[in-house]
Amino acid sequence: MESTTGRHINREKLVKISDIFHGLAYPVRLQILELIEDGKDYGVSEIRENIKIEASLLSHHLSKMKSVGILESYRKGRNIFYRLALPEITKVLDCIYECELKI
């Protein structure tokens, strides 16, 4: 299927794109994204302090965001740190926020 913008859209790409949107589909995930969009690496405890959420719930959201490729993580000692794996996702957020202002 060819879009009006000239992008070739196949089912596999649509599923991947849908997964990324699903990875953003909760207010808490958008809060996480807003926090870490500065390019800095954040530890789980630092994210939790800023977001004010239970550890188990935060873990679930971080795991989902990582599984769809939005975030990446690494371990340093006993701590796990997260950062954006897709810095371009902030452009998508900017676009969504602009659309929301027009609704």
Protein backbone atom coordinates (compact mmCIF):
# COMPACT_ATOMS: atom_id res chain seq x y z
CA MET A 1 0.00 0.00 0.00
CA GLU A 2 1.35 3.42 -0.96
CA SER A 3 0.47 6.41 1.21
CA THR A 4 -0.15 9.91 -0.10
CA THR A 5 3.27 10.91 1.26
CA GLY A 6 5.04 8.29 -0.83
CA ARG A 7 5.89 6.01 2.10
CA HIS A 8 5.51 2.32 1.38
CA ILE A 9 3.38 0.88 4.15
CA ASN A 10 3.27 -2.85 4.67
CA ARG A 11 1.62 -4.84 7.42
CA GLU A 12 4.89 -5.52 9.26
CA LYS A 13 5.71 -1.81 9.45
CA LEU A 14 2.19 -0.98 10.59
CA VAL A 15 2.44 -3.53 13.41
CA LYS A 16 5.78 -2.06 14.55
CA ILE A 17 4.39 1.47 14.48
CA SER A 18 1.32 0.33 16.40
CA ASP A 19 3.58 -1.31 19.01
CA ILE A 20 5.46 1.96 19.50
CA PHE A 21 2.20 3.87 19.99
CA HIS A 22 1.03 1.20 22.42
CA GLY A 23 4.30 1.72 24.29
CA LEU A 24 3.27 5.35 24.78
CA ALA A 25 -0.41 4.76 25.43
CA TYR A 26 -0.45 5.49 29.17
CA PRO A 27 -0.03 8.85 30.92
CA VAL A 28 2.70 7.38 33.15
CA ARG A 29 4.71 6.35 30.08
CA LEU A 30 4.41 9.85 28.69
CA GLN A 31 5.64 11.21 32.04
CA ILE A 32 8.61 8.85 31.88
CA LEU A 33 9.35 9.99 28.35
CA GLU A 34 9.13 13.66 29.32
CA LEU A 35 11.55 13.02 32.18
CA ILE A 36 14.21 11.19 30.18
CA GLU A 37 13.94 13.08 26.90
CA ASP A 38 16.89 15.27 27.95
CA GLY A 39 19.27 12.49 26.90
CA LYS A 40 20.45 11.75 30.43
CA ASP A 41 20.49 8.21 31.85
CA TYR A 42 18.08 7.75 34.75
CA GLY A 43 18.13 5.12 37.46
CA VAL A 44 14.90 3.41 38.40
CA SER A 45 14.85 5.09 41.82
CA GLU A 46 15.35 8.52 40.24
CA ILE A 47 12.48 7.88 37.81
CA ARG A 48 10.31 6.67 40.66
CA GLU A 49 11.05 9.78 42.75
CA ASN A 50 10.06 12.04 39.85
CA ILE A 51 7.00 10.11 38.69
CA LYS A 52 5.68 9.16 42.16
CA ILE A 53 4.59 5.63 41.29
CA GLU A 54 4.84 2.23 42.95
CA ALA A 55 8.01 0.30 42.07
CA SER A 56 6.16 -2.70 40.60
CA LEU A 57 4.00 -0.51 38.38
CA LEU A 58 7.00 1.51 37.22
CA SER A 59 8.84 -1.71 36.41
CA HIS A 60 5.91 -2.85 34.26
CA HIS A 61 5.83 0.40 32.29
CA LEU A 62 9.61 0.54 31.81
CA SER A 63 9.60 -3.07 30.65
CA LYS A 64 6.88 -2.39 28.08
CA MET A 65 8.65 0.71 26.78
CA LYS A 66 11.88 -1.26 26.49
CA SER A 67 10.20 -4.21 24.74
CA VAL A 68 8.91 -1.99 21.92
CA GLY A 69 12.28 -0.27 21.51
CA ILE A 70 11.52 3.14 23.02
CA LEU A 71 13.93 2.68 25.93
CA GLU A 72 17.17 0.83 26.48
CA SER A 73 18.72 -0.09 29.81
CA TYR A 74 21.97 -1.17 31.37
CA ARG A 75 23.02 -2.38 34.77
CA LYS A 76 25.67 -0.66 36.87
CA GLY A 77 26.27 -2.59 40.06
CA ARG A 78 22.88 -3.14 41.66
CA ASN A 79 21.21 -0.30 39.75
CA ILE A 80 19.45 -0.31 36.38
CA PHE A 81 19.58 2.81 34.25
CA TYR A 82 17.29 3.76 31.38
CA ARG A 83 17.69 6.10 28.43
CA LEU A 84 15.92 6.77 25.17
CA ALA A 85 16.67 4.21 22.48
CA LEU A 86 14.67 6.29 19.99
CA PRO A 87 15.48 9.96 20.56
CA GLU A 88 13.31 10.72 17.51
CA ILE A 89 10.26 9.73 19.54
CA THR A 90 10.35 13.19 21.13
CA LYS A 91 9.44 14.65 17.71
CA VAL A 92 6.37 12.42 17.66
CA LEU A 93 5.44 13.66 21.13
CA ASP A 94 5.86 17.28 20.05
CA CYS A 95 3.54 16.61 17.11
CA ILE A 96 0.93 14.92 19.33
CA TYR A 97 1.06 17.80 21.81
CA GLU A 98 0.54 20.27 18.95
CA CYS A 99 -2.44 18.24 17.71
CA GLU A 100 -3.92 18.15 21.21
CA LEU A 101 -3.80 21.96 21.38
CA LYS A 102 -5.98 22.10 18.26
CA ILE A 103 -8.64 19.73 19.54
